[in-house]
Amino acid sequence: MVELVDTLDSSPSAFMRTGSTPVIATNNQLLTLKGLEMKTIVKLVLVAVLAIGLAGCGSNAFVCQPGSYHTKNIITVDLQLDPAPEILPNAAMIKEKVLFAFDSYKLDAEAESIVEKVAGLMKAHPDTILALKGYTDKYGAEDYNIKLSLNRAEAVYASLVAKGVPADSIKSAEGFGKTQLIPNLTNRENRRVLILSIGGK
């Protein structure tokens, strides 16, 4: 994700940093490279240098000076610089969540219904590869919750296999305990197993 920040005034500088966030400016627009990997930042800088060359290195090609601009508004722009993962014809995009009662790894009727839905998708798209990730809420000892979350992932694994999903189509079943709590979820919503498609055969 790259943010374009309009500026009211600026003076020449090809590349700068504001705090810990590297930025580039084009005319009166400032590119703030937030949340990007270094290799992506390097790509953007190379593209910027090439753009300067093609534009004849005009005086307003890239302008920016620390402390000389004021932000007016921010426009968020999605950039995809790396190729998207290959999706094979028979692979499905799956992201489902199975919830559990407190201190339990038993699948209730609602959970079994979700697993049944995933099994149906897997039968229709047999080249899909799944990963299962189990979690708990904030209560309980860390070691206990790691084991509980793993039991939940393994329970979903067993149910999928029982419903006809080939075992080799499930790459992993992992437990993360309470190490990856999501604050805006309820305790029940944190007691979950995520069923995710991660590619195709």
N, C-alpha and C. Protein backbone atom coordinates (compact mmCIF):
# COMPACT_ATOMS: atom_id res chain seq x y z
N MET A 1 0.85 -1.19 0.00
CA MET A 1 0.00 0.00 0.00
C MET A 1 0.88 1.23 0.00
N VAL A 2 0.63 2.17 -0.88
CA VAL A 2 1.40 3.41 -0.97
C VAL A 2 0.42 4.56 -0.81
N GLU A 3 0.80 5.59 -0.03
CA GLU A 3 -0.06 6.74 0.14
C GLU A 3 0.50 7.91 -0.65
N LEU A 4 -0.36 8.61 -1.38
CA LEU A 4 -0.01 9.85 -2.07
C LEU A 4 -0.47 11.00 -1.20
N VAL A 5 0.45 11.81 -0.73
CA VAL A 5 0.12 12.91 0.17
C VAL A 5 0.32 14.22 -0.56
N ASP A 6 -0.77 14.97 -0.78
CA ASP A 6 -0.64 16.27 -1.43
C ASP A 6 0.14 17.21 -0.55
N THR A 7 0.99 18.06 -1.14
CA THR A 7 1.76 19.02 -0.38
C THR A 7 1.48 20.43 -0.87
N LEU A 8 1.61 21.39 0.04
CA LEU A 8 1.34 22.77 -0.32
C LEU A 8 2.58 23.47 -0.88
N ASP A 9 3.77 23.12 -0.38
CA ASP A 9 4.97 23.69 -0.92
C ASP A 9 6.11 22.72 -0.70
N SER A 10 7.14 22.82 -1.52
CA SER A 10 8.26 21.91 -1.42
C SER A 10 9.44 22.52 -2.14
N SER A 11 10.64 21.93 -1.91
CA SER A 11 11.83 22.35 -2.63
C SER A 11 12.64 21.13 -2.98
N PRO A 12 13.63 21.25 -3.90
CA PRO A 12 14.22 20.06 -4.53
C PRO A 12 14.88 19.09 -3.58
N SER A 13 14.61 17.82 -3.84
CA SER A 13 15.29 16.69 -3.19
C SER A 13 14.73 15.44 -3.80
N ALA A 14 15.58 14.52 -4.26
CA ALA A 14 15.10 13.34 -4.98
C ALA A 14 14.50 12.31 -4.05
N PHE A 15 15.04 12.15 -2.84
CA PHE A 15 14.58 11.08 -1.95
C PHE A 15 14.86 11.50 -0.53
N MET A 16 13.96 11.30 0.38
CA MET A 16 14.16 11.69 1.77
C MET A 16 13.46 10.71 2.68
N ARG A 17 13.65 10.92 3.98
CA ARG A 17 12.94 10.12 4.97
C ARG A 17 12.25 11.06 5.93
N THR A 18 11.03 10.76 6.31
CA THR A 18 10.32 11.51 7.33
C THR A 18 10.19 10.60 8.54
N GLY A 19 10.92 10.86 9.60
CA GLY A 19 10.97 9.93 10.72
C GLY A 19 11.61 8.65 10.25
N SER A 20 10.85 7.52 10.35
CA SER A 20 11.36 6.23 9.88
C SER A 20 10.71 5.80 8.59
N THR A 21 9.90 6.70 7.98
CA THR A 21 9.15 6.34 6.78
C THR A 21 9.77 6.97 5.55
N PRO A 22 10.32 6.20 4.60
CA PRO A 22 10.89 6.79 3.39
C PRO A 22 9.80 7.35 2.49
N VAL A 23 10.09 8.48 1.82
CA VAL A 23 9.09 9.11 0.96
C VAL A 23 9.74 9.56 -0.34
N ILE A 24 8.93 9.67 -1.39
CA ILE A 24 9.33 10.24 -2.67
C ILE A 24 8.25 11.22 -3.08
N ALA A 25 8.62 12.35 -3.71
CA ALA A 25 7.60 13.30 -4.15
C ALA A 25 7.68 13.48 -5.65
N THR A 26 6.52 13.55 -6.31
CA THR A 26 6.43 13.86 -7.73
C THR A 26 5.64 15.14 -7.88
N ASN A 27 6.27 16.21 -8.40
CA ASN A 27 5.65 17.53 -8.43
C ASN A 27 5.18 17.87 -7.01
N ASN A 28 3.86 18.02 -6.81
CA ASN A 28 3.37 18.36 -5.49
C ASN A 28 2.73 17.17 -4.79
N GLN A 29 3.12 15.96 -5.17
CA GLN A 29 2.58 14.78 -4.51
C GLN A 29 3.72 13.99 -3.88
N LEU A 30 3.51 13.58 -2.65
CA LEU A 30 4.53 12.87 -1.89
C LEU A 30 4.16 11.41 -1.75
N LEU A 31 5.05 10.51 -2.20
CA LEU A 31 4.82 9.06 -2.05
C LEU A 31 5.37 8.64 -0.70
N THR A 32 4.52 8.18 0.19
CA THR A 32 4.97 7.69 1.48
C THR A 32 4.99 6.17 1.44
N LEU A 33 6.18 5.57 1.59
CA LEU A 33 6.34 4.13 1.39
C LEU A 33 6.16 3.42 2.72
N LYS A 34 4.91 3.30 3.14
CA LYS A 34 4.63 2.70 4.44
C LYS A 34 4.29 1.23 4.27
N GLY A 35 4.87 0.40 5.11
CA GLY A 35 4.51 -1.00 5.14
C GLY A 35 5.02 -1.79 3.98
N LEU A 36 6.02 -1.29 3.24
CA LEU A 36 6.55 -2.01 2.09
C LEU A 36 7.86 -2.69 2.45
N GLU A 37 8.10 -3.85 1.89
CA GLU A 37 9.37 -4.53 2.07
C GLU A 37 10.46 -3.73 1.37
N MET A 38 11.72 -3.89 1.85
CA MET A 38 12.82 -3.12 1.29
C MET A 38 12.98 -3.35 -0.20
N LYS A 39 12.80 -4.64 -0.66
CA LYS A 39 12.96 -4.88 -2.09
C LYS A 39 11.93 -4.12 -2.90
N THR A 40 10.71 -3.92 -2.33
CA THR A 40 9.68 -3.16 -3.04
C THR A 40 10.03 -1.68 -3.07
N ILE A 41 10.58 -1.17 -1.95
CA ILE A 41 11.00 0.22 -1.91
C ILE A 41 12.09 0.48 -2.94
N VAL A 42 13.05 -0.46 -3.03
CA VAL A 42 14.13 -0.32 -4.01
C VAL A 42 13.55 -0.25 -5.42
N LYS A 43 12.55 -1.11 -5.70
CA LYS A 43 11.93 -1.09 -7.02
C LYS A 43 11.31 0.28 -7.32
N LEU A 44 10.62 0.84 -6.30
CA LEU A 44 9.97 2.13 -6.50
C LEU A 44 11.01 3.22 -6.76
N VAL A 45 12.13 3.16 -6.03
CA VAL A 45 13.17 4.16 -6.23
C VAL A 45 13.75 4.06 -7.63
N LEU A 46 13.99 2.81 -8.09
CA LEU A 46 14.52 2.63 -9.45
C LEU A 46 13.56 3.15 -10.50
N VAL A 47 12.27 2.89 -10.29
CA VAL A 47 11.26 3.40 -11.22
C VAL A 47 11.27 4.93 -11.21
N ALA A 48 11.43 5.52 -10.01
CA ALA A 48 11.46 6.97 -9.90
C ALA A 48 12.65 7.55 -10.64
N VAL A 49 13.84 6.92 -10.48
CA VAL A 49 15.04 7.40 -11.17
C VAL A 49 14.86 7.32 -12.68
N LEU A 50 14.27 6.21 -13.16
CA LEU A 50 14.02 6.07 -14.59
C LEU A 50 13.07 7.14 -15.10
N ALA A 51 12.07 7.45 -14.29
CA ALA A 51 11.10 8.47 -14.68
C ALA A 51 11.77 9.83 -14.82
N ILE A 52 12.72 10.10 -13.91
CA ILE A 52 13.44 11.37 -14.01
C ILE A 52 14.18 11.45 -15.33
N GLY A 53 14.87 10.35 -15.69
CA GLY A 53 15.64 10.32 -16.93
C GLY A 53 14.76 10.54 -18.15
N LEU A 54 13.61 9.88 -18.16
CA LEU A 54 12.71 10.00 -19.30
C LEU A 54 12.11 11.40 -19.39
N ALA A 55 11.96 12.03 -18.26
CA ALA A 55 11.36 13.37 -18.27
C ALA A 55 12.39 14.46 -18.51
N GLY A 56 13.65 14.06 -18.72
CA GLY A 56 14.69 15.06 -18.97
C GLY A 56 15.18 15.72 -17.71
N CYS A 57 14.88 15.09 -16.54
CA CYS A 57 15.36 15.62 -15.26
C CYS A 57 14.95 17.07 -15.06
N GLY A 58 13.71 17.40 -15.36
CA GLY A 58 13.23 18.76 -15.17
C GLY A 58 13.29 19.18 -13.72
N SER A 59 13.29 20.45 -13.45
CA SER A 59 13.48 20.94 -12.09
C SER A 59 12.35 20.56 -11.17
N ASN A 60 11.16 20.29 -11.74
CA ASN A 60 10.03 19.92 -10.91
C ASN A 60 9.74 18.42 -10.96
N ALA A 61 10.70 17.62 -11.49
CA ALA A 61 10.44 16.19 -11.63
C ALA A 61 10.22 15.53 -10.29
N PHE A 62 11.14 15.76 -9.36
CA PHE A 62 11.00 15.20 -8.01
C PHE A 62 11.41 16.27 -7.02
N VAL A 63 10.45 16.75 -6.27
CA VAL A 63 10.75 17.83 -5.34
C VAL A 63 10.28 17.45 -3.95
N CYS A 64 11.13 17.73 -2.95
CA CYS A 64 10.75 17.42 -1.58
C CYS A 64 11.82 17.97 -0.66
N GLN A 65 11.45 18.55 0.42
CA GLN A 65 12.42 19.07 1.36
C GLN A 65 11.88 18.86 2.77
N PRO A 66 12.70 18.28 3.66
CA PRO A 66 12.22 18.08 5.04
C PRO A 66 11.77 19.39 5.67
N GLY A 67 10.61 19.36 6.27
CA GLY A 67 10.13 20.51 7.01
C GLY A 67 9.52 21.60 6.17
N SER A 68 9.46 21.44 4.84
CA SER A 68 8.98 22.53 3.99
C SER A 68 7.60 22.27 3.42
N TYR A 69 6.93 21.19 3.86
CA TYR A 69 5.63 20.90 3.30
C TYR A 69 4.62 20.69 4.41
N HIS A 70 3.36 20.86 4.05
CA HIS A 70 2.26 20.60 4.96
C HIS A 70 1.28 19.68 4.25
N THR A 71 0.84 18.62 4.92
CA THR A 71 -0.09 17.69 4.27
C THR A 71 -1.47 18.32 4.17
N LYS A 72 -2.10 18.11 3.04
CA LYS A 72 -3.43 18.64 2.78
C LYS A 72 -4.47 17.52 2.80
N ASN A 73 -4.19 16.43 2.11
CA ASN A 73 -5.06 15.26 2.15
C ASN A 73 -4.26 14.06 1.69
N ILE A 74 -4.78 12.91 1.96
CA ILE A 74 -4.10 11.66 1.64
C ILE A 74 -4.96 10.84 0.70
N ILE A 75 -4.40 10.36 -0.40
CA ILE A 75 -5.08 9.48 -1.34
C ILE A 75 -4.40 8.13 -1.27
N THR A 76 -5.13 7.08 -0.92
CA THR A 76 -4.55 5.74 -0.81
C THR A 76 -4.64 5.03 -2.15
N VAL A 77 -3.53 4.48 -2.60
CA VAL A 77 -3.46 3.81 -3.89
C VAL A 77 -2.87 2.42 -3.69
N ASP A 78 -3.50 1.40 -4.25
CA ASP A 78 -2.98 0.05 -4.19
C ASP A 78 -1.99 -0.16 -5.33
N LEU A 79 -0.79 -0.64 -4.98
CA LEU A 79 0.21 -0.98 -5.99
C LEU A 79 0.54 -2.45 -5.86
N GLN A 80 0.58 -3.16 -6.95
CA GLN A 80 1.02 -4.55 -6.95
C GLN A 80 2.21 -4.66 -7.87
N LEU A 81 3.40 -4.72 -7.25
CA LEU A 81 4.62 -4.74 -8.02
C LEU A 81 5.10 -6.16 -8.28
N ASP A 82 4.76 -7.08 -7.40
CA ASP A 82 5.16 -8.47 -7.57
C ASP A 82 4.03 -9.24 -8.24
N PRO A 83 4.33 -10.28 -9.01
CA PRO A 83 3.27 -11.06 -9.67
C PRO A 83 2.38 -11.76 -8.66
N ALA A 84 1.10 -11.88 -9.00
CA ALA A 84 0.16 -12.56 -8.13
C ALA A 84 0.44 -14.06 -8.13
N PRO A 85 0.12 -14.76 -7.02
CA PRO A 85 0.28 -16.22 -7.01
C PRO A 85 -0.52 -16.87 -8.12
N GLU A 86 0.03 -17.91 -8.69
CA GLU A 86 -0.67 -18.62 -9.76
C GLU A 86 -1.84 -19.41 -9.17
N ILE A 87 -3.01 -19.24 -9.73
CA ILE A 87 -4.19 -20.00 -9.31
C ILE A 87 -4.50 -21.00 -10.41
N LEU A 88 -4.38 -22.27 -10.09
CA LEU A 88 -4.63 -23.30 -11.08
C LEU A 88 -6.13 -23.44 -11.34
N PRO A 89 -6.51 -23.95 -12.51
CA PRO A 89 -7.92 -24.01 -12.89
C PRO A 89 -8.80 -24.77 -11.90
N ASN A 90 -8.26 -25.84 -11.29
CA ASN A 90 -9.08 -26.66 -10.40
C ASN A 90 -8.92 -26.29 -8.93
N ALA A 91 -8.26 -25.18 -8.63
CA ALA A 91 -8.07 -24.76 -7.23
C ALA A 91 -9.12 -23.73 -6.85
N ALA A 92 -9.65 -23.85 -5.64
CA ALA A 92 -10.66 -22.92 -5.15
C ALA A 92 -10.04 -21.95 -4.16
N MET A 93 -10.60 -20.76 -4.06
CA MET A 93 -10.21 -19.80 -3.05
C MET A 93 -11.10 -20.02 -1.82
N ILE A 94 -10.52 -20.50 -0.73
CA ILE A 94 -11.28 -20.86 0.46
C ILE A 94 -10.75 -20.10 1.67
N LYS A 95 -11.65 -19.46 2.42
CA LYS A 95 -11.33 -18.85 3.69
C LYS A 95 -12.55 -18.96 4.58
N GLU A 96 -12.54 -19.96 5.44
CA GLU A 96 -13.67 -20.21 6.34
C GLU A 96 -13.18 -20.23 7.78
N LYS A 97 -14.10 -19.96 8.72
CA LYS A 97 -13.76 -19.92 10.14
C LYS A 97 -14.71 -20.81 10.92
N VAL A 98 -14.15 -21.73 11.69
CA VAL A 98 -14.92 -22.63 12.55
C VAL A 98 -14.73 -22.18 13.99
N LEU A 99 -15.83 -21.95 14.72
CA LEU A 99 -15.77 -21.46 16.10
C LEU A 99 -16.01 -22.59 17.10
N PHE A 100 -15.50 -22.38 18.33
CA PHE A 100 -15.57 -23.41 19.36
C PHE A 100 -16.08 -22.84 20.68
N ALA A 101 -16.67 -23.72 21.49
CA ALA A 101 -17.07 -23.36 22.84
C ALA A 101 -15.83 -23.21 23.71
N PHE A 102 -15.99 -22.60 24.88
CA PHE A 102 -14.87 -22.38 25.79
C PHE A 102 -14.25 -23.70 26.23
N ASP A 103 -12.93 -23.77 26.17
CA ASP A 103 -12.15 -24.93 26.62
C ASP A 103 -12.60 -26.22 25.92
N SER A 104 -12.95 -26.12 24.66
CA SER A 104 -13.45 -27.30 23.93
C SER A 104 -12.84 -27.34 22.54
N TYR A 105 -12.68 -28.55 22.03
CA TYR A 105 -12.30 -28.70 20.63
C TYR A 105 -13.30 -29.60 19.89
N LYS A 106 -14.51 -29.69 20.45
CA LYS A 106 -15.58 -30.46 19.82
C LYS A 106 -16.30 -29.58 18.79
N LEU A 107 -16.53 -30.12 17.61
CA LEU A 107 -17.25 -29.39 16.57
C LEU A 107 -18.75 -29.50 16.82
N ASP A 108 -19.43 -28.34 16.92
CA ASP A 108 -20.88 -28.37 17.06
C ASP A 108 -21.53 -28.43 15.69
N ALA A 109 -22.85 -28.37 15.66
CA ALA A 109 -23.59 -28.52 14.39
C ALA A 109 -23.21 -27.42 13.40
N GLU A 110 -23.04 -26.20 13.88
CA GLU A 110 -22.67 -25.10 12.99
C GLU A 110 -21.28 -25.32 12.40
N ALA A 111 -20.36 -25.78 13.24
CA ALA A 111 -18.99 -26.03 12.77
C ALA A 111 -18.98 -27.15 11.73
N GLU A 112 -19.73 -28.21 11.98
CA GLU A 112 -19.80 -29.32 11.02
C GLU A 112 -20.39 -28.87 9.70
N SER A 113 -21.34 -27.92 9.76
CA SER A 113 -21.94 -27.40 8.53
C SER A 113 -20.90 -26.64 7.69
N ILE A 114 -20.04 -25.89 8.37
CA ILE A 114 -18.99 -25.16 7.65
C ILE A 114 -17.99 -26.13 7.04
N VAL A 115 -17.61 -27.15 7.81
CA VAL A 115 -16.68 -28.15 7.29
C VAL A 115 -17.28 -28.88 6.10
N GLU A 116 -18.57 -29.16 6.16
CA GLU A 116 -19.26 -29.81 5.04
C GLU A 116 -19.21 -28.94 3.79
N LYS A 117 -19.38 -27.64 3.97
CA LYS A 117 -19.30 -26.71 2.85
C LYS A 117 -17.91 -26.74 2.22
N VAL A 118 -16.86 -26.73 3.06
CA VAL A 118 -15.49 -26.77 2.55
C VAL A 118 -15.23 -28.09 1.83
N ALA A 119 -15.73 -29.19 2.39
CA ALA A 119 -15.55 -30.49 1.75
C ALA A 119 -16.18 -30.51 0.37
N GLY A 120 -17.34 -29.86 0.24
CA GLY A 120 -17.98 -29.79 -1.07
C GLY A 120 -17.15 -28.99 -2.07
N LEU A 121 -16.55 -27.90 -1.61
CA LEU A 121 -15.68 -27.11 -2.49
C LEU A 121 -14.45 -27.91 -2.89
N MET A 122 -13.92 -28.69 -1.96
CA MET A 122 -12.74 -29.50 -2.26
C MET A 122 -13.05 -30.59 -3.28
N LYS A 123 -14.22 -31.14 -3.21
CA LYS A 123 -14.61 -32.16 -4.19
C LYS A 123 -14.77 -31.54 -5.58
N ALA A 124 -15.26 -30.31 -5.62
CA ALA A 124 -15.42 -29.62 -6.90
C ALA A 124 -14.09 -29.10 -7.43
N HIS A 125 -13.15 -28.87 -6.55
CA HIS A 125 -11.83 -28.32 -6.93
C HIS A 125 -10.74 -29.15 -6.27
N PRO A 126 -10.53 -30.37 -6.75
CA PRO A 126 -9.66 -31.33 -6.05
C PRO A 126 -8.19 -30.96 -6.00
N ASP A 127 -7.75 -29.99 -6.78
CA ASP A 127 -6.33 -29.60 -6.74
C ASP A 127 -6.02 -28.57 -5.66
N THR A 128 -7.01 -28.16 -4.90
CA THR A 128 -6.81 -27.15 -3.86
C THR A 128 -6.03 -27.73 -2.68
N ILE A 129 -5.11 -26.92 -2.15
CA ILE A 129 -4.35 -27.29 -0.95
C ILE A 129 -4.80 -26.39 0.19
N LEU A 130 -5.07 -27.01 1.36
CA LEU A 130 -5.56 -26.28 2.53
C LEU A 130 -4.51 -26.19 3.63
N ALA A 131 -4.64 -25.17 4.47
CA ALA A 131 -3.91 -25.07 5.73
C ALA A 131 -4.93 -24.78 6.83
N LEU A 132 -4.76 -25.41 7.99
CA LEU A 132 -5.65 -25.22 9.13
C LEU A 132 -4.88 -24.54 10.26
N LYS A 133 -5.43 -23.45 10.78
CA LYS A 133 -4.75 -22.69 11.83
C LYS A 133 -5.70 -22.52 13.01
N GLY A 134 -5.32 -23.10 14.16
CA GLY A 134 -6.16 -23.06 15.34
C GLY A 134 -5.72 -22.00 16.35
N TYR A 135 -6.72 -21.43 17.07
CA TYR A 135 -6.46 -20.37 18.04
C TYR A 135 -7.36 -20.53 19.26
N THR A 136 -7.04 -19.79 20.32
CA THR A 136 -7.87 -19.76 21.53
C THR A 136 -8.18 -18.32 21.90
N ASP A 137 -9.01 -18.15 22.94
CA ASP A 137 -9.21 -16.81 23.48
C ASP A 137 -8.08 -16.48 24.46
N LYS A 138 -8.22 -15.41 25.23
CA LYS A 138 -7.14 -14.92 26.08
C LYS A 138 -7.00 -15.65 27.40
N TYR A 139 -7.93 -16.52 27.73
CA TYR A 139 -7.93 -17.18 29.03
C TYR A 139 -7.10 -18.46 29.01
N GLY A 140 -6.44 -18.74 30.14
CA GLY A 140 -5.70 -19.99 30.27
C GLY A 140 -4.21 -19.81 30.06
N ALA A 141 -3.45 -20.81 30.51
CA ALA A 141 -1.99 -20.79 30.38
C ALA A 141 -1.59 -20.95 28.92
N GLU A 142 -0.46 -20.37 28.56
CA GLU A 142 -0.03 -20.37 27.17
C GLU A 142 0.19 -21.78 26.64
N ASP A 143 0.90 -22.61 27.41
CA ASP A 143 1.18 -23.99 26.95
C ASP A 143 -0.11 -24.77 26.76
N TYR A 144 -1.05 -24.59 27.69
CA TYR A 144 -2.34 -25.29 27.59
C TYR A 144 -3.08 -24.85 26.34
N ASN A 145 -3.06 -23.56 26.08
CA ASN A 145 -3.80 -23.03 24.92
C ASN A 145 -3.17 -23.46 23.60
N ILE A 146 -1.85 -23.59 23.57
CA ILE A 146 -1.21 -24.10 22.35
C ILE A 146 -1.73 -25.49 22.03
N LYS A 147 -1.79 -26.34 23.06
CA LYS A 147 -2.29 -27.70 22.85
C LYS A 147 -3.77 -27.70 22.47
N LEU A 148 -4.57 -26.85 23.15
CA LEU A 148 -6.00 -26.77 22.84
C LEU A 148 -6.23 -26.31 21.40
N SER A 149 -5.50 -25.31 20.97
CA SER A 149 -5.68 -24.81 19.60
C SER A 149 -5.25 -25.85 18.57
N LEU A 150 -4.20 -26.62 18.89
CA LEU A 150 -3.79 -27.70 17.99
C LEU A 150 -4.87 -28.77 17.93
N ASN A 151 -5.46 -29.11 19.07
CA ASN A 151 -6.56 -30.08 19.09
C ASN A 151 -7.72 -29.62 18.23
N ARG A 152 -7.99 -28.32 18.26
CA ARG A 152 -9.07 -27.79 17.43
C ARG A 152 -8.75 -27.93 15.94
N ALA A 153 -7.52 -27.61 15.56
CA ALA A 153 -7.13 -27.75 14.16
C ALA A 153 -7.19 -29.21 13.73
N GLU A 154 -6.75 -30.11 14.61
CA GLU A 154 -6.77 -31.54 14.28
C GLU A 154 -8.19 -32.07 14.21
N ALA A 155 -9.10 -31.51 15.01
CA ALA A 155 -10.51 -31.92 14.94
C ALA A 155 -11.12 -31.53 13.60
N VAL A 156 -10.78 -30.35 13.11
CA VAL A 156 -11.27 -29.92 11.79
C VAL A 156 -10.64 -30.80 10.71
N TYR A 157 -9.37 -31.09 10.85
CA TYR A 157 -8.69 -31.99 9.91
C TYR A 157 -9.41 -33.33 9.83
N ALA A 158 -9.69 -33.94 10.99
CA ALA A 158 -10.35 -35.24 11.02
C ALA A 158 -11.73 -35.18 10.38
N SER A 159 -12.45 -34.09 10.62
CA SER A 159 -13.79 -33.95 10.05
C SER A 159 -13.73 -33.79 8.53
N LEU A 160 -12.77 -33.02 8.04
CA LEU A 160 -12.61 -32.86 6.59
C LEU A 160 -12.30 -34.20 5.93
N VAL A 161 -11.37 -34.95 6.51
CA VAL A 161 -11.00 -36.25 5.94
C VAL A 161 -12.19 -37.20 5.98
N ALA A 162 -12.95 -37.18 7.09
CA ALA A 162 -14.13 -38.04 7.21
C ALA A 162 -15.18 -37.69 6.15
N LYS A 163 -15.18 -36.45 5.70
CA LYS A 163 -16.17 -36.00 4.71
C LYS A 163 -15.62 -36.13 3.28
N GLY A 164 -14.50 -36.81 3.13
CA GLY A 164 -14.02 -37.14 1.79
C GLY A 164 -12.88 -36.30 1.26
N VAL A 165 -12.34 -35.36 2.06
CA VAL A 165 -11.20 -34.56 1.60
C VAL A 165 -9.93 -35.39 1.74
N PRO A 166 -9.15 -35.57 0.69
CA PRO A 166 -7.91 -36.35 0.79
C PRO A 166 -6.95 -35.74 1.80
N ALA A 167 -6.33 -36.60 2.61
CA ALA A 167 -5.42 -36.12 3.64
C ALA A 167 -4.26 -35.33 3.04
N ASP A 168 -3.82 -35.72 1.85
CA ASP A 168 -2.68 -35.00 1.25
C ASP A 168 -3.07 -33.65 0.66
N SER A 169 -4.36 -33.30 0.72
CA SER A 169 -4.80 -31.97 0.29
C SER A 169 -4.75 -30.96 1.45
N ILE A 170 -4.42 -31.45 2.64
CA ILE A 170 -4.32 -30.58 3.81
C ILE A 170 -2.84 -30.52 4.20
N LYS A 171 -2.21 -29.41 3.88
CA LYS A 171 -0.75 -29.31 4.07
C LYS A 171 -0.37 -29.25 5.54
N SER A 172 -1.17 -28.57 6.36
CA SER A 172 -0.79 -28.39 7.76
C SER A 172 -2.00 -28.18 8.64
N ALA A 173 -1.87 -28.56 9.91
CA ALA A 173 -2.85 -28.28 10.95
C ALA A 173 -2.04 -27.81 12.16
N GLU A 174 -2.10 -26.51 12.44
CA GLU A 174 -1.24 -25.91 13.45
C GLU A 174 -2.06 -25.25 14.55
N GLY A 175 -1.46 -25.16 15.74
CA GLY A 175 -2.09 -24.47 16.86
C GLY A 175 -1.25 -23.30 17.33
N PHE A 176 -1.86 -22.14 17.47
CA PHE A 176 -1.14 -20.93 17.87
C PHE A 176 -1.56 -20.40 19.23
N GLY A 177 -2.47 -21.11 19.90
CA GLY A 177 -2.91 -20.67 21.22
C GLY A 177 -3.48 -19.27 21.20
N LYS A 178 -3.06 -18.46 22.20
CA LYS A 178 -3.53 -17.08 22.29
C LYS A 178 -2.46 -16.10 21.81
N THR A 179 -1.51 -16.58 21.03
CA THR A 179 -0.41 -15.72 20.59
C THR A 179 -0.82 -14.77 19.48
N GLN A 180 -1.96 -14.99 18.86
CA GLN A 180 -2.39 -14.12 17.76
C GLN A 180 -3.83 -13.68 17.96
N LEU A 181 -4.12 -13.17 19.16
CA LEU A 181 -5.46 -12.67 19.46
C LEU A 181 -5.78 -11.47 18.57
N ILE A 182 -7.04 -11.38 18.16
CA ILE A 182 -7.50 -10.22 17.40
C ILE A 182 -8.39 -9.40 18.33
N PRO A 183 -7.94 -8.20 18.75
CA PRO A 183 -8.64 -7.44 19.80
C PRO A 183 -10.09 -7.12 19.50
N ASN A 184 -10.43 -6.89 18.24
CA ASN A 184 -11.80 -6.49 17.92
C ASN A 184 -12.75 -7.69 17.78
N LEU A 185 -12.25 -8.91 18.01
CA LEU A 185 -13.12 -10.09 18.01
C LEU A 185 -13.57 -10.40 19.43
N THR A 186 -14.73 -11.04 19.55
CA THR A 186 -15.18 -11.52 20.85
C THR A 186 -14.35 -12.73 21.25
N ASN A 187 -14.49 -13.14 22.51
CA ASN A 187 -13.76 -14.33 22.97
C ASN A 187 -14.13 -15.54 22.12
N ARG A 188 -15.41 -15.70 21.82
CA ARG A 188 -15.83 -16.85 21.00
C ARG A 188 -15.23 -16.77 19.60
N GLU A 189 -15.20 -15.59 19.03
CA GLU A 189 -14.64 -15.45 17.68
C GLU A 189 -13.14 -15.73 17.65
N ASN A 190 -12.46 -15.49 18.77
CA ASN A 190 -11.04 -15.82 18.83
C ASN A 190 -10.82 -17.32 19.00
N ARG A 191 -11.81 -18.03 19.51
CA ARG A 191 -11.71 -19.50 19.64
C ARG A 191 -12.08 -20.12 18.29
N ARG A 192 -11.12 -20.18 17.41
CA ARG A 192 -11.45 -20.48 16.01
C ARG A 192 -10.39 -21.34 15.36
N VAL A 193 -10.79 -21.95 14.26
CA VAL A 193 -9.85 -22.56 13.33
C VAL A 193 -10.11 -21.95 11.97
N LEU A 194 -9.09 -21.40 11.37
CA LEU A 194 -9.19 -20.87 10.01
C LEU A 194 -8.87 -21.97 9.01
N ILE A 195 -9.73 -22.11 8.02
CA ILE A 195 -9.51 -23.04 6.91
C ILE A 195 -9.17 -22.20 5.70
N LEU A 196 -7.92 -22.29 5.25
CA LEU A 196 -7.44 -21.41 4.20
C LEU A 196 -6.89 -22.21 3.02
N SER A 197 -7.25 -21.80 1.82
CA SER A 197 -6.60 -22.37 0.63
C SER A 197 -5.27 -21.64 0.44
N ILE A 198 -4.22 -22.39 0.18
CA ILE A 198 -2.89 -21.78 0.06
C ILE A 198 -2.24 -22.10 -1.27
N GLY A 199 -3.01 -22.64 -2.22
CA GLY A 199 -2.46 -22.92 -3.53
C GLY A 199 -3.12 -24.13 -4.16
N GLY A 200 -2.49 -24.65 -5.20
CA GLY A 200 -3.01 -25.80 -5.91
C GLY A 200 -1.93 -26.82 -6.17
N LYS A 201 -2.36 -28.04 -6.46
CA LYS A 201 -1.42 -29.12 -6.72
C LYS A 201 -0.79 -28.95 -8.11
